[in-house]
Amino acid sequence: MELTKKTTILLSPALHEQLTRLAEARGTSLGELVREACESQYGIVPAGERLKAVEALAALALPVGSPAEMELESVLRPGDILP
């Protein structure tokens, strides 16, 4: 990914120290750590990554029923909670 935009943010000394230590422990830069946090927090993922995730989910062979069967299993009925 080409990095062409710059943003300046102000951090408290304690937060800066903690993030710097975390970045060092992960073997990455403070900038990369902040970029990853932004992507994770706000769900900003490149379209290609989203497509790969959807394809991986579609390829799973899970033992599930039809949508109607799953609804019956997941939605409480009065008899489920009342005597």
PDB file of N, CA and C in Angstrom:
ATOM      1  N   MET A   1       0.851  -1.167   0.000  1.00  0.00           N
ATOM      2  CA  MET A   1       0.000   0.000   0.000  1.00  0.00           C
ATOM      3  C   MET A   1       0.903   1.237   0.000  1.00  0.00           C
ATOM      4  N   GLU A   2       0.561   2.159  -0.853  1.00  0.00           N
ATOM      5  CA  GLU A   2       1.333   3.392  -0.939  1.00  0.00           C
ATOM      6  C   GLU A   2       0.812   4.385   0.095  1.00  0.00           C
ATOM      7  N   LEU A   3       1.718   4.896   0.911  1.00  0.00           N
ATOM      8  CA  LEU A   3       1.356   5.857   1.945  1.00  0.00           C
ATOM      9  C   LEU A   3       1.677   7.257   1.434  1.00  0.00           C
ATOM     10  N   THR A   4       0.633   8.057   1.173  1.00  0.00           N
ATOM     11  CA  THR A   4       0.862   9.381   0.594  1.00  0.00           C
ATOM     12  C   THR A   4       0.230  10.507   1.394  1.00  0.00           C
ATOM     13  N   LYS A   5      -0.569  10.195   2.396  1.00  0.00           N
ATOM     14  CA  LYS A   5      -1.222  11.226   3.204  1.00  0.00           C
ATOM     15  C   LYS A   5      -0.638  11.204   4.604  1.00  0.00           C
ATOM     16  N   LYS A   6      -0.436  12.395   5.154  1.00  0.00           N
ATOM     17  CA  LYS A   6       0.146  12.497   6.488  1.00  0.00           C
ATOM     18  C   LYS A   6      -0.848  13.178   7.423  1.00  0.00           C
ATOM     19  N   THR A   7      -0.952  12.637   8.633  1.00  0.00           N
ATOM     20  CA  THR A   7      -1.810  13.201   9.670  1.00  0.00           C
ATOM     21  C   THR A   7      -1.007  13.283  10.952  1.00  0.00           C
ATOM     22  N   THR A   8      -1.160  14.381  11.658  1.00  0.00           N
ATOM     23  CA  THR A   8      -0.481  14.550  12.939  1.00  0.00           C
ATOM     24  C   THR A   8      -1.514  14.400  14.046  1.00  0.00           C
ATOM     25  N   ILE A   9      -1.199  13.547  15.023  1.00  0.00           N
ATOM     26  CA  ILE A   9      -2.085  13.402  16.174  1.00  0.00           C
ATOM     27  C   ILE A   9      -1.260  13.629  17.436  1.00  0.00           C
ATOM     28  N   LEU A  10      -1.903  14.125  18.445  1.00  0.00           N
ATOM     29  CA  LEU A  10      -1.234  14.361  19.722  1.00  0.00           C
ATOM     30  C   LEU A  10      -1.656  13.274  20.704  1.00  0.00           C
ATOM     31  N   LEU A  11      -0.693  12.676  21.369  1.00  0.00           N
ATOM     32  CA  LEU A  11      -0.928  11.633  22.352  1.00  0.00           C
ATOM     33  C   LEU A  11      -0.379  12.073  23.696  1.00  0.00           C
ATOM     34  N   SER A  12      -0.961  11.557  24.745  1.00  0.00           N
ATOM     35  CA  SER A  12      -0.393  11.822  26.064  1.00  0.00           C
ATOM     36  C   SER A  12       0.943  11.086  26.143  1.00  0.00           C
ATOM     37  N   PRO A  13       1.847  11.551  26.990  1.00  0.00           N
ATOM     38  CA  PRO A  13       3.130  10.850  27.120  1.00  0.00           C
ATOM     39  C   PRO A  13       2.966   9.376  27.496  1.00  0.00           C
ATOM     40  N   ALA A  14       2.021   9.079  28.382  1.00  0.00           N
ATOM     41  CA  ALA A  14       1.818   7.695  28.821  1.00  0.00           C
ATOM     42  C   ALA A  14       1.331   6.822  27.660  1.00  0.00           C
ATOM     43  N   LEU A  15       0.368   7.327  26.880  1.00  0.00           N
ATOM     44  CA  LEU A  15      -0.153   6.556  25.758  1.00  0.00           C
ATOM     45  C   LEU A  15       0.931   6.363  24.698  1.00  0.00           C
ATOM     46  N   HIS A  16       1.687   7.414  24.429  1.00  0.00           N
ATOM     47  CA  HIS A  16       2.770   7.314  23.449  1.00  0.00           C
ATOM     48  C   HIS A  16       3.783   6.259  23.875  1.00  0.00           C
ATOM     49  N   GLU A  17       4.138   6.249  25.145  1.00  0.00           N
ATOM     50  CA  GLU A  17       5.106   5.278  25.658  1.00  0.00           C
ATOM     51  C   GLU A  17       4.566   3.853  25.529  1.00  0.00           C
ATOM     52  N   GLN A  18       3.301   3.661  25.910  1.00  0.00           N
ATOM     53  CA  GLN A  18       2.701   2.326  25.817  1.00  0.00           C
ATOM     54  C   GLN A  18       2.634   1.843  24.371  1.00  0.00           C
ATOM     55  N   LEU A  19       2.210   2.718  23.465  1.00  0.00           N
ATOM     56  CA  LEU A  19       2.110   2.325  22.058  1.00  0.00           C
ATOM     57  C   LEU A  19       3.484   2.073  21.449  1.00  0.00           C
ATOM     58  N   THR A  20       4.463   2.859  21.833  1.00  0.00           N
ATOM     59  CA  THR A  20       5.822   2.652  21.333  1.00  0.00           C
ATOM     60  C   THR A  20       6.355   1.296  21.791  1.00  0.00           C
ATOM     61  N   ARG A  21       6.129   0.966  23.058  1.00  0.00           N
ATOM     62  CA  ARG A  21       6.567  -0.347  23.564  1.00  0.00           C
ATOM     63  C   ARG A  21       5.842  -1.480  22.855  1.00  0.00           C
ATOM     64  N   LEU A  22       4.551  -1.314  22.633  1.00  0.00           N
ATOM     65  CA  LEU A  22       3.770  -2.345  21.942  1.00  0.00           C
ATOM     66  C   LEU A  22       4.270  -2.523  20.511  1.00  0.00           C
ATOM     67  N   ALA A  23       4.530  -1.424  19.832  1.00  0.00           N
ATOM     68  CA  ALA A  23       5.041  -1.504  18.458  1.00  0.00           C
ATOM     69  C   ALA A  23       6.389  -2.216  18.428  1.00  0.00           C
ATOM     70  N   GLU A  24       7.264  -1.885  19.359  1.00  0.00           N
ATOM     71  CA  GLU A  24       8.571  -2.539  19.421  1.00  0.00           C
ATOM     72  C   GLU A  24       8.414  -4.035  19.685  1.00  0.00           C
ATOM     73  N   ALA A  25       7.515  -4.383  20.591  1.00  0.00           N
ATOM     74  CA  ALA A  25       7.295  -5.792  20.915  1.00  0.00           C
ATOM     75  C   ALA A  25       6.770  -6.564  19.708  1.00  0.00           C
ATOM     76  N   ARG A  26       5.997  -5.888  18.877  1.00  0.00           N
ATOM     77  CA  ARG A  26       5.448  -6.535  17.683  1.00  0.00           C
ATOM     78  C   ARG A  26       6.378  -6.434  16.476  1.00  0.00           C
ATOM     79  N   GLY A  27       7.452  -5.704  16.641  1.00  0.00           N
ATOM     80  CA  GLY A  27       8.391  -5.548  15.537  1.00  0.00           C
ATOM     81  C   GLY A  27       7.855  -4.690  14.410  1.00  0.00           C
ATOM     82  N   THR A  28       7.089  -3.674  14.767  1.00  0.00           N
ATOM     83  CA  THR A  28       6.507  -2.792  13.761  1.00  0.00           C
ATOM     84  C   THR A  28       6.691  -1.348  14.188  1.00  0.00           C
ATOM     85  N   SER A  29       6.246  -0.436  13.375  1.00  0.00           N
ATOM     86  CA  SER A  29       6.366   0.988  13.707  1.00  0.00           C
ATOM     87  C   SER A  29       5.113   1.461  14.439  1.00  0.00           C
ATOM     88  N   LEU A  30       5.237   2.579  15.111  1.00  0.00           N
ATOM     89  CA  LEU A  30       4.091   3.181  15.784  1.00  0.00           C
ATOM     90  C   LEU A  30       3.034   3.553  14.748  1.00  0.00           C
ATOM     91  N   GLY A  31       3.455   4.067  13.614  1.00  0.00           N
ATOM     92  CA  GLY A  31       2.515   4.426  12.550  1.00  0.00           C
ATOM     93  C   GLY A  31       1.715   3.232  12.059  1.00  0.00           C
ATOM     94  N   GLU A  32       2.394   2.108  11.832  1.00  0.00           N
ATOM     95  CA  GLU A  32       1.702   0.900  11.373  1.00  0.00           C
ATOM     96  C   GLU A  32       0.738   0.405  12.437  1.00  0.00           C
ATOM     97  N   LEU A  33       1.135   0.492  13.691  1.00  0.00           N
ATOM     98  CA  LEU A  33       0.262   0.080  14.788  1.00  0.00           C
ATOM     99  C   LEU A  33      -1.019   0.916  14.781  1.00  0.00           C
ATOM    100  N   VAL A  34      -0.889   2.216  14.602  1.00  0.00           N
ATOM    101  CA  VAL A  34      -2.053   3.108  14.583  1.00  0.00           C
ATOM    102  C   VAL A  34      -2.913   2.828  13.352  1.00  0.00           C
ATOM    103  N   ARG A  35      -2.295   2.602  12.191  1.00  0.00           N
ATOM    104  CA  ARG A  35      -3.069   2.288  10.985  1.00  0.00           C
ATOM    105  C   ARG A  35      -3.874   1.004  11.177  1.00  0.00           C
ATOM    106  N   GLU A  36      -3.249  -0.026  11.745  1.00  0.00           N
ATOM    107  CA  GLU A  36      -3.946  -1.292  11.994  1.00  0.00           C
ATOM    108  C   GLU A  36      -5.112  -1.091  12.963  1.00  0.00           C
ATOM    109  N   ALA A  37      -4.890  -0.286  13.993  1.00  0.00           N
ATOM    110  CA  ALA A  37      -5.954  -0.025  14.973  1.00  0.00           C
ATOM    111  C   ALA A  37      -7.133   0.684  14.313  1.00  0.00           C
ATOM    112  N   CYS A  38      -6.849   1.639  13.444  1.00  0.00           N
ATOM    113  CA  CYS A  38      -7.924   2.362  12.740  1.00  0.00           C
ATOM    114  C   CYS A  38      -8.711   1.416  11.848  1.00  0.00           C
ATOM    115  N   GLU A  39      -8.008   0.574  11.098  1.00  0.00           N
ATOM    116  CA  GLU A  39      -8.691  -0.375  10.218  1.00  0.00           C
ATOM    117  C   GLU A  39      -9.556  -1.341  11.020  1.00  0.00           C
ATOM    118  N   SER A  40      -9.014  -1.818  12.125  1.00  0.00           N
ATOM    119  CA  SER A  40      -9.748  -2.763  12.964  1.00  0.00           C
ATOM    120  C   SER A  40     -10.958  -2.098  13.626  1.00  0.00           C
ATOM    121  N   GLN A  41     -10.757  -0.940  14.202  1.00  0.00           N
ATOM    122  CA  GLN A  41     -11.819  -0.249  14.935  1.00  0.00           C
ATOM    123  C   GLN A  41     -12.967   0.174  14.029  1.00  0.00           C
ATOM    124  N   TYR A  42     -12.645   0.649  12.826  1.00  0.00           N
ATOM    125  CA  TYR A  42     -13.666   1.219  11.958  1.00  0.00           C
ATOM    126  C   TYR A  42     -14.034   0.318  10.790  1.00  0.00           C
ATOM    127  N   GLY A  43     -13.522  -0.908  10.781  1.00  0.00           N
ATOM    128  CA  GLY A  43     -13.907  -1.863   9.751  1.00  0.00           C
ATOM    129  C   GLY A  43     -13.479  -1.468   8.352  1.00  0.00           C
ATOM    130  N   ILE A  44     -12.382  -0.745   8.263  1.00  0.00           N
ATOM    131  CA  ILE A  44     -11.899  -0.298   6.963  1.00  0.00           C
ATOM    132  C   ILE A  44     -10.971  -1.368   6.410  1.00  0.00           C
ATOM    133  N   VAL A  45     -11.494  -2.132   5.461  1.00  0.00           N
ATOM    134  CA  VAL A  45     -10.740  -3.236   4.892  1.00  0.00           C
ATOM    135  C   VAL A  45     -10.829  -3.124   3.379  1.00  0.00           C
ATOM    136  N   PRO A  46      -9.722  -3.329   2.685  1.00  0.00           N
ATOM    137  CA  PRO A  46      -9.776  -3.276   1.220  1.00  0.00           C
ATOM    138  C   PRO A  46     -10.800  -4.275   0.662  1.00  0.00           C
ATOM    139  N   ALA A  47     -11.431  -3.925  -0.448  1.00  0.00           N
ATOM    140  CA  ALA A  47     -12.476  -4.757  -1.043  1.00  0.00           C
ATOM    141  C   ALA A  47     -11.969  -6.167  -1.322  1.00  0.00           C
ATOM    142  N   GLY A  48     -10.736  -6.303  -1.750  1.00  0.00           N
ATOM    143  CA  GLY A  48     -10.171  -7.618  -2.043  1.00  0.00           C
ATOM    144  C   GLY A  48     -10.139  -8.511  -0.810  1.00  0.00           C
ATOM    145  N   GLU A  49      -9.796  -7.930   0.341  1.00  0.00           N
ATOM    146  CA  GLU A  49      -9.774  -8.703   1.586  1.00  0.00           C
ATOM    147  C   GLU A  49     -11.172  -9.134   1.996  1.00  0.00           C
ATOM    148  N   ARG A  50     -12.144  -8.241   1.813  1.00  0.00           N
ATOM    149  CA  ARG A  50     -13.534  -8.596   2.141  1.00  0.00           C
ATOM    150  C   ARG A  50     -14.017  -9.734   1.251  1.00  0.00           C
ATOM    151  N   LEU A  51     -13.677  -9.664  -0.035  1.00  0.00           N
ATOM    152  CA  LEU A  51     -14.086 -10.706  -0.970  1.00  0.00           C
ATOM    153  C   LEU A  51     -13.463 -12.046  -0.591  1.00  0.00           C
ATOM    154  N   LYS A  52     -12.186 -12.041  -0.215  1.00  0.00           N
ATOM    155  CA  LYS A  52     -11.531 -13.280   0.222  1.00  0.00           C
ATOM    156  C   LYS A  52     -12.223 -13.860   1.453  1.00  0.00           C
ATOM    157  N   ALA A  53     -12.613 -12.999   2.383  1.00  0.00           N
ATOM    158  CA  ALA A  53     -13.290 -13.462   3.597  1.00  0.00           C
ATOM    159  C   ALA A  53     -14.638 -14.084   3.262  1.00  0.00           C
ATOM    160  N   VAL A  54     -15.383 -13.463   2.353  1.00  0.00           N
ATOM    161  CA  VAL A  54     -16.679 -14.003   1.949  1.00  0.00           C
ATOM    162  C   VAL A  54     -16.496 -15.350   1.262  1.00  0.00           C
ATOM    163  N   GLU A  55     -15.494 -15.447   0.399  1.00  0.00           N
ATOM    164  CA  GLU A  55     -15.232 -16.709  -0.293  1.00  0.00           C
ATOM    165  C   GLU A  55     -14.842 -17.803   0.695  1.00  0.00           C
ATOM    166  N   ALA A  56     -14.052 -17.452   1.700  1.00  0.00           N
ATOM    167  CA  ALA A  56     -13.651 -18.439   2.704  1.00  0.00           C
ATOM    168  C   ALA A  56     -14.859 -18.917   3.502  1.00  0.00           C
ATOM    169  N   LEU A  57     -15.759 -17.999   3.844  1.00  0.00           N
ATOM    170  CA  LEU A  57     -16.971 -18.390   4.569  1.00  0.00           C
ATOM    171  C   LEU A  57     -17.869 -19.268   3.697  1.00  0.00           C
ATOM    172  N   ALA A  58     -17.999 -18.917   2.422  1.00  0.00           N
ATOM    173  CA  ALA A  58     -18.850 -19.691   1.518  1.00  0.00           C
ATOM    174  C   ALA A  58     -18.303 -21.100   1.302  1.00  0.00           C
ATOM    175  N   ALA A  59     -16.986 -21.258   1.426  1.00  0.00           N
ATOM    176  CA  ALA A  59     -16.365 -22.563   1.200  1.00  0.00           C
ATOM    177  C   ALA A  59     -16.491 -23.494   2.398  1.00  0.00           C
ATOM    178  N   LEU A  60     -16.897 -22.970   3.543  1.00  0.00           N
ATOM    179  CA  LEU A  60     -17.036 -23.814   4.735  1.00  0.00           C
ATOM    180  C   LEU A  60     -18.191 -24.792   4.564  1.00  0.00           C
ATOM    181  N   ALA A  61     -17.988 -25.997   5.003  1.00  0.00           N
ATOM    182  CA  ALA A  61     -19.042 -27.016   4.978  1.00  0.00           C
ATOM    183  C   ALA A  61     -19.496 -27.233   6.420  1.00  0.00           C
ATOM    184  N   LEU A  62     -20.423 -26.419   6.845  1.00  0.00           N
ATOM    185  CA  LEU A  62     -20.886 -26.475   8.231  1.00  0.00           C
ATOM    186  C   LEU A  62     -22.199 -27.235   8.331  1.00  0.00           C
ATOM    187  N   PRO A  63     -22.382 -27.971   9.409  1.00  0.00           N
ATOM    188  CA  PRO A  63     -23.626 -28.724   9.582  1.00  0.00           C
ATOM    189  C   PRO A  63     -24.739 -27.823  10.105  1.00  0.00           C
ATOM    190  N   VAL A  64     -25.386 -27.125   9.191  1.00  0.00           N
ATOM    191  CA  VAL A  64     -26.481 -26.236   9.584  1.00  0.00           C
ATOM    192  C   VAL A  64     -27.744 -26.618   8.828  1.00  0.00           C
ATOM    193  N   GLY A  65     -28.860 -26.272   9.425  1.00  0.00           N
ATOM    194  CA  GLY A  65     -30.141 -26.558   8.804  1.00  0.00           C
ATOM    195  C   GLY A  65     -30.552 -25.449   7.857  1.00  0.00           C
ATOM    196  N   SER A  66     -31.774 -25.527   7.421  1.00  0.00           N
ATOM    197  CA  SER A  66     -32.325 -24.490   6.554  1.00  0.00           C
ATOM    198  C   SER A  66     -32.537 -23.225   7.395  1.00  0.00           C
ATOM    199  N   PRO A  67     -32.746 -22.082   6.743  1.00  0.00           N
ATOM    200  CA  PRO A  67     -33.017 -20.858   7.515  1.00  0.00           C
ATOM    201  C   PRO A  67     -34.215 -21.010   8.452  1.00  0.00           C
ATOM    202  N   ALA A  68     -35.258 -21.709   8.004  1.00  0.00           N
ATOM    203  CA  ALA A  68     -36.433 -21.892   8.865  1.00  0.00           C
ATOM    204  C   ALA A  68     -36.088 -22.743  10.083  1.00  0.00           C
ATOM    205  N   GLU A  69     -35.295 -23.798   9.874  1.00  0.00           N
ATOM    206  CA  GLU A  69     -34.888 -24.646  10.999  1.00  0.00           C
ATOM    207  C   GLU A  69     -34.014 -23.876  11.984  1.00  0.00           C
ATOM    208  N   MET A  70     -33.101 -23.066  11.466  1.00  0.00           N
ATOM    209  CA  MET A  70     -32.231 -22.279  12.350  1.00  0.00           C
ATOM    210  C   MET A  70     -33.033 -21.272  13.147  1.00  0.00           C
ATOM    211  N   GLU A  71     -34.056 -20.678  12.538  1.00  0.00           N
ATOM    212  CA  GLU A  71     -34.888 -19.716  13.263  1.00  0.00           C
ATOM    213  C   GLU A  71     -35.628 -20.403  14.401  1.00  0.00           C
ATOM    214  N   LEU A  72     -36.162 -21.595  14.126  1.00  0.00           N
ATOM    215  CA  LEU A  72     -36.855 -22.337  15.181  1.00  0.00           C
ATOM    216  C   LEU A  72     -35.919 -22.665  16.339  1.00  0.00           C
ATOM    217  N   GLU A  73     -34.670 -22.944  16.031  1.00  0.00           N
ATOM    218  CA  GLU A  73     -33.698 -23.283  17.068  1.00  0.00           C
ATOM    219  C   GLU A  73     -33.233 -22.067  17.852  1.00  0.00           C
ATOM    220  N   SER A  74     -33.286 -20.874  17.252  1.00  0.00           N
ATOM    221  CA  SER A  74     -32.683 -19.710  17.896  1.00  0.00           C
ATOM    222  C   SER A  74     -33.674 -18.734  18.509  1.00  0.00           C
ATOM    223  N   VAL A  75     -34.948 -18.805  18.124  1.00  0.00           N
ATOM    224  CA  VAL A  75     -35.927 -17.856  18.635  1.00  0.00           C
ATOM    225  C   VAL A  75     -36.716 -18.522  19.767  1.00  0.00           C
ATOM    226  N   LEU A  76     -36.681 -17.884  20.920  1.00  0.00           N
ATOM    227  CA  LEU A  76     -37.409 -18.429  22.068  1.00  0.00           C
ATOM    228  C   LEU A  76     -38.917 -18.364  21.817  1.00  0.00           C
ATOM    229  N   ARG A  77     -39.591 -19.415  22.271  1.00  0.00           N
ATOM    230  CA  ARG A  77     -41.050 -19.457  22.228  1.00  0.00           C
ATOM    231  C   ARG A  77     -41.522 -19.355  23.677  1.00  0.00           C
ATOM    232  N   PRO A  78     -42.754 -18.903  23.909  1.00  0.00           N
ATOM    233  CA  PRO A  78     -43.226 -18.769  25.291  1.00  0.00           C
ATOM    234  C   PRO A  78     -43.041 -20.037  26.112  1.00  0.00           C
ATOM    235  N   GLY A  79     -43.243 -21.192  25.529  1.00  0.00           N
ATOM    236  CA  GLY A  79     -43.096 -22.447  26.254  1.00  0.00           C
ATOM    237  C   GLY A  79     -41.655 -22.747  26.653  1.00  0.00           C
ATOM    238  N   ASP A  80     -40.691 -22.070  25.989  1.00  0.00           N
ATOM    239  CA  ASP A  80     -39.283 -22.289  26.324  1.00  0.00           C
ATOM    240  C   ASP A  80     -38.906 -21.659  27.662  1.00  0.00           C
ATOM    241  N   ILE A  81     -39.616 -20.589  28.040  1.00  0.00           N
ATOM    242  CA  ILE A  81     -39.242 -19.877  29.262  1.00  0.00           C
ATOM    243  C   ILE A  81     -40.321 -19.891  30.336  1.00  0.00           C
ATOM    244  N   LEU A  82     -41.548 -20.256  29.967  1.00  0.00           N
ATOM    245  CA  LEU A  82     -42.641 -20.289  30.943  1.00  0.00           C
ATOM    246  C   LEU A  82     -43.033 -21.740  31.216  1.00  0.00           C
ATOM    247  N   PRO A  83     -43.449 -22.056  32.457  1.00  0.00           N
ATOM    248  CA  PRO A  83     -43.858 -23.438  32.768  1.00  0.00           C
ATOM    249  C   PRO A  83     -45.148 -23.807  32.059  1.00  0.00           C
TER     250      PRO A  83
END
